[in-house]
Amino acid sequence: MPRSNSSPGRSGRPPATSRTEILDAARRVIERDGWEKLTVRRLAAEIGIGTTTLYHHVRDREDLLVQLLNEHVDHTLRPDLPAEPRERIIAAATAIHDSLAAWPWAAEILTVDGFLARLGPASLQAVETIVAGAVDCGCTLDQAVGLFRSVWYYTAGEILVRAHSAHRRQENAQLAGEADFFSGIDTARLPRLSEVGECWPELAARDTYPEALRAFVDGLLAQATSGKT
């Protein structure tokens, strides 16, 4: 239950607020109002403390979201890693995907280069697993980093596209537009899209991440180890 503010004129130290209490309250705000509505001011009101007190624990909204993300990942990112390096890459990438799929907003705040500095131990270990697995498959260190970046871009993009598509479907905003597009398509100029027609939404909704990830990793490894750039 949110803590009430101190009465006017009350002296002494403000009530102690723990990191656990802050992150629990942040999760409540996100679950109730959406992550876009989470601000330091709103969170302080949720807990019942002043924003100045909250700033002793978080630098800003972005720092708050990163702390929340890292706590979530530390509890959910526990991949069972096989011995074969290719399979370790796939297992680690799949674990990242599955951990963030429940919180797609978390992928949103990691869609910039330089995000490694924001990650907690569990996330960094997953990155290490992918890079080390690529090296063990015969990649140079530069190629291994490139493989990780490519896999991460694909994974984050897949999470965000699915999350935004699901949100639009809930609002029925996507269905009418797709129906209008396929009903008016130029069959001479776009014959294959015309052939797919109204099946497109069903095909696009299929979860192809596992098999696509394997094909993607195999292609990246083959390109790196063949000497091609």
Protein backbone atom coordinates (compact mmCIF):
# COMPACT_ATOMS: atom_id res chain seq x y z
CA MET A 1 0.00 0.00 0.00
CA PRO A 2 1.46 3.42 -0.91
CA ARG A 3 3.06 5.23 1.98
CA SER A 4 1.40 8.52 2.93
CA ASN A 5 3.30 11.78 2.71
CA SER A 6 4.57 13.36 5.89
CA SER A 7 2.22 15.87 7.43
CA PRO A 8 3.07 19.59 7.02
CA GLY A 9 5.62 20.83 9.51
CA ARG A 10 6.83 17.36 10.44
CA SER A 11 10.59 17.32 11.05
CA GLY A 12 13.16 14.57 10.94
CA ARG A 13 14.41 12.22 8.22
CA PRO A 14 12.06 11.10 5.46
CA PRO A 15 10.92 7.48 5.66
CA ALA A 16 13.48 5.00 4.32
CA THR A 17 12.71 3.61 0.89
CA SER A 18 14.36 0.44 -0.37
CA ARG A 19 15.36 -0.42 -3.93
CA THR A 20 12.95 -3.37 -3.81
CA GLU A 21 10.07 -1.07 -2.86
CA ILE A 22 10.95 1.32 -5.68
CA LEU A 23 11.13 -1.40 -8.34
CA ASP A 24 7.93 -3.07 -7.09
CA ALA A 25 6.11 0.25 -7.36
CA ALA A 26 7.57 0.86 -10.84
CA ARG A 27 6.24 -2.51 -12.00
CA ARG A 28 2.78 -1.60 -10.67
CA VAL A 29 2.77 1.64 -12.63
CA ILE A 30 3.87 -0.13 -15.82
CA GLU A 31 1.32 -2.92 -15.45
CA ARG A 32 -1.48 -0.46 -14.71
CA ASP A 33 -0.65 2.49 -16.97
CA GLY A 34 2.02 1.34 -19.44
CA TRP A 35 5.77 1.95 -19.43
CA GLU A 36 5.44 5.23 -21.31
CA LYS A 37 3.60 6.69 -18.29
CA LEU A 38 6.34 5.79 -15.82
CA THR A 39 8.09 8.94 -14.61
CA VAL A 40 10.09 9.73 -11.50
CA ARG A 41 7.34 12.08 -10.32
CA ARG A 42 4.59 9.50 -10.84
CA LEU A 43 6.64 6.80 -9.13
CA ALA A 44 7.31 9.04 -6.13
CA ALA A 45 3.57 9.65 -5.82
CA GLU A 46 2.91 5.90 -6.10
CA ILE A 47 5.26 5.21 -3.19
CA GLY A 48 4.25 8.27 -1.21
CA ILE A 49 7.61 10.04 -1.04
CA GLY A 50 9.06 13.21 -2.51
CA THR A 51 10.86 13.17 -5.84
CA THR A 52 14.02 14.43 -4.13
CA THR A 53 14.07 11.32 -1.95
CA LEU A 54 13.61 9.10 -5.00
CA TYR A 55 16.54 10.77 -6.75
CA HIS A 56 18.79 9.33 -4.04
CA HIS A 57 18.06 5.92 -5.60
CA VAL A 58 17.71 6.64 -9.34
CA ARG A 59 19.39 9.24 -11.55
CA ASP A 60 16.47 9.67 -13.94
CA ARG A 61 13.68 7.80 -15.69
CA GLU A 62 16.08 5.94 -17.99
CA ASP A 63 18.17 4.74 -15.04
CA LEU A 64 14.97 3.56 -13.35
CA LEU A 65 13.94 1.55 -16.42
CA VAL A 66 17.40 0.00 -16.74
CA GLN A 67 17.40 -1.02 -13.08
CA LEU A 68 13.96 -2.56 -13.54
CA LEU A 69 15.08 -4.38 -16.68
CA ASN A 70 18.20 -5.79 -15.04
CA GLU A 71 16.26 -7.10 -12.04
CA HIS A 72 13.77 -8.78 -14.39
CA VAL A 73 16.51 -10.32 -16.51
CA ASP A 74 18.48 -11.52 -13.49
CA HIS A 75 15.42 -13.54 -12.45
CA THR A 76 14.38 -14.83 -15.87
CA LEU A 77 17.54 -15.21 -17.98
CA ARG A 78 18.86 -18.61 -16.94
CA PRO A 79 19.60 -20.52 -20.16
CA ASP A 80 20.51 -24.20 -20.15
CA LEU A 81 23.69 -24.02 -22.21
CA PRO A 82 24.71 -27.03 -24.33
CA ALA A 83 28.32 -27.98 -24.99
CA GLU A 84 28.34 -27.36 -28.75
CA PRO A 85 29.23 -23.68 -29.42
CA ARG A 86 26.65 -23.12 -32.19
CA GLU A 87 23.93 -24.45 -29.91
CA ARG A 88 25.19 -22.21 -27.08
CA ILE A 89 24.77 -19.16 -29.32
CA ILE A 90 21.22 -20.19 -30.18
CA ALA A 91 20.34 -21.06 -26.58
CA ALA A 92 21.63 -17.73 -25.25
CA ALA A 93 19.88 -15.70 -27.97
CA THR A 94 16.63 -17.60 -27.38
CA ALA A 95 16.88 -16.97 -23.64
CA ILE A 96 17.34 -13.25 -24.26
CA HIS A 97 14.35 -13.26 -26.61
CA ASP A 98 12.09 -15.14 -24.20
CA SER A 99 13.10 -12.98 -21.24
CA LEU A 100 12.40 -9.70 -23.05
CA ALA A 101 9.29 -10.86 -24.94
CA ALA A 102 7.27 -10.58 -21.72
CA TRP A 103 8.47 -6.97 -21.35
CA PRO A 104 8.83 -5.62 -24.91
CA TRP A 105 9.40 -2.09 -23.61
CA ALA A 106 12.68 -3.38 -22.19
CA ALA A 107 13.94 -4.16 -25.69
CA GLU A 108 12.94 -0.62 -26.69
CA ILE A 109 15.38 1.00 -24.25
CA LEU A 110 18.23 -1.20 -25.49
CA THR A 111 17.93 -0.32 -29.18
CA VAL A 112 21.03 1.88 -29.22
CA ASP A 113 24.69 0.98 -29.57
CA GLY A 114 26.61 1.33 -26.32
CA PHE A 115 23.92 -0.43 -24.29
CA LEU A 116 26.37 -2.95 -22.80
CA ALA A 117 27.23 -0.47 -20.06
CA ARG A 118 23.59 -0.60 -18.95
CA LEU A 119 23.40 -4.37 -18.56
CA GLY A 120 23.49 -6.40 -15.35
CA PRO A 121 25.45 -9.62 -14.73
CA ALA A 122 22.94 -12.04 -16.26
CA SER A 123 22.60 -10.04 -19.48
CA LEU A 124 26.35 -9.58 -19.82
CA GLN A 125 26.87 -13.31 -19.34
CA ALA A 126 24.47 -13.99 -22.21
CA VAL A 127 26.41 -11.59 -24.44
CA GLU A 128 29.66 -13.28 -23.41
CA THR A 129 28.18 -16.68 -24.25
CA ILE A 130 27.24 -15.58 -27.78
CA VAL A 131 30.58 -13.90 -28.50
CA ALA A 132 32.58 -16.80 -27.04
CA GLY A 133 30.46 -19.32 -28.93
CA ALA A 134 31.16 -17.53 -32.20
CA VAL A 135 34.91 -17.54 -31.47
CA ASP A 136 34.75 -21.26 -30.69
CA CYS A 137 33.05 -21.77 -34.06
CA GLY A 138 36.04 -20.24 -35.83
CA CYS A 139 35.15 -16.53 -35.94
CA THR A 140 37.68 -13.84 -35.19
CA LEU A 141 36.83 -11.62 -32.25
CA ASP A 142 35.70 -8.85 -34.61
CA GLN A 143 33.46 -11.29 -36.46
CA ALA A 144 32.07 -12.60 -33.17
CA VAL A 145 31.07 -9.10 -32.11
CA GLY A 146 29.47 -8.56 -35.51
CA LEU A 147 27.55 -11.82 -35.13
CA PHE A 148 26.25 -10.76 -31.73
CA ARG A 149 25.14 -7.36 -33.02
CA SER A 150 23.33 -8.93 -35.96
CA VAL A 151 21.59 -11.48 -33.77
CA TRP A 152 20.64 -8.79 -31.25
CA TYR A 153 19.22 -6.50 -33.93
CA TYR A 154 17.12 -9.35 -35.30
CA THR A 155 15.96 -10.38 -31.82
CA ALA A 156 15.07 -6.88 -30.65
CA GLY A 157 13.34 -6.10 -33.93
CA GLU A 158 11.27 -9.28 -33.78
CA ILE A 159 10.16 -8.51 -30.22
CA LEU A 160 9.21 -4.92 -30.99
CA VAL A 161 7.39 -5.66 -34.25
CA ARG A 162 5.32 -8.37 -32.58
CA ALA A 163 4.55 -6.19 -29.56
CA HIS A 164 3.46 -3.22 -31.67
CA SER A 165 1.45 -5.46 -34.01
CA ALA A 166 -0.34 -7.07 -31.06
CA HIS A 167 -1.18 -3.64 -29.67
CA ARG A 168 -2.61 -2.51 -33.01
CA ARG A 169 -4.64 -5.69 -33.36
CA GLN A 170 -6.17 -5.03 -29.96
CA GLU A 171 -7.29 -1.65 -31.25
CA ASN A 172 -8.40 -3.13 -34.62
CA ALA A 173 -6.24 -0.47 -36.27
CA GLN A 174 -4.30 -2.84 -38.47
CA LEU A 175 -7.02 -5.07 -39.85
CA ALA A 176 -8.91 -2.50 -41.91
CA GLY A 177 -5.74 -1.16 -43.49
CA GLU A 178 -4.52 -4.60 -44.53
CA ALA A 179 -7.93 -5.55 -45.93
CA ASP A 180 -8.04 -2.37 -48.03
CA PHE A 181 -4.51 -2.97 -49.28
CA PHE A 182 -5.06 -6.51 -50.49
CA SER A 183 -8.46 -5.77 -52.01
CA GLY A 184 -6.98 -3.00 -54.14
CA ILE A 185 -3.62 -4.56 -55.01
CA ASP A 186 -2.32 -4.31 -58.58
CA THR A 187 -2.08 -7.96 -59.61
CA ALA A 188 0.02 -7.20 -62.70
CA ARG A 189 2.66 -5.25 -60.79
CA LEU A 190 2.60 -7.30 -57.54
CA PRO A 191 1.56 -10.82 -58.61
CA ARG A 192 3.04 -12.70 -55.65
CA LEU A 193 1.59 -10.37 -53.05
CA SER A 194 -1.72 -10.66 -54.82
CA GLU A 195 -1.44 -14.45 -54.62
CA VAL A 196 -0.78 -14.32 -50.89
CA GLY A 197 -3.69 -11.94 -50.47
CA GLU A 198 -5.72 -12.20 -47.29
CA CYS A 199 -3.48 -15.00 -45.98
CA TRP A 200 -0.77 -12.42 -45.21
CA PRO A 201 -1.91 -11.54 -41.66
CA GLU A 202 -2.09 -15.22 -40.68
CA LEU A 203 1.33 -15.94 -42.16
CA ALA A 204 2.87 -12.84 -40.60
CA ALA A 205 1.52 -13.80 -37.17
CA ARG A 206 3.34 -17.13 -37.12
CA ASP A 207 6.18 -17.48 -34.61
CA THR A 208 9.14 -18.22 -36.85
CA TYR A 209 11.81 -16.90 -34.47
CA PRO A 210 13.37 -20.27 -33.49
CA GLU A 211 13.93 -21.58 -37.02
CA ALA A 212 14.82 -18.16 -38.43
CA LEU A 213 17.38 -17.66 -35.65
CA ARG A 214 19.06 -20.96 -36.51
CA ALA A 215 19.18 -20.11 -40.20
CA PHE A 216 20.49 -16.62 -39.39
CA VAL A 217 23.25 -17.90 -37.09
CA ASP A 218 24.26 -20.60 -39.59
CA GLY A 219 24.51 -18.00 -42.35
CA LEU A 220 26.56 -15.60 -40.24
CA LEU A 221 28.94 -18.36 -39.13
CA ALA A 222 29.34 -19.68 -42.68
CA GLN A 223 30.10 -16.21 -44.01
CA ALA A 224 32.62 -15.48 -41.25
CA THR A 225 34.49 -18.78 -41.44
CA SER A 226 34.58 -18.88 -45.26
CA GLY A 227 36.74 -15.78 -45.33
CA LYS A 228 34.09 -13.64 -47.02
CA THR A 229 33.24 -10.18 -45.68
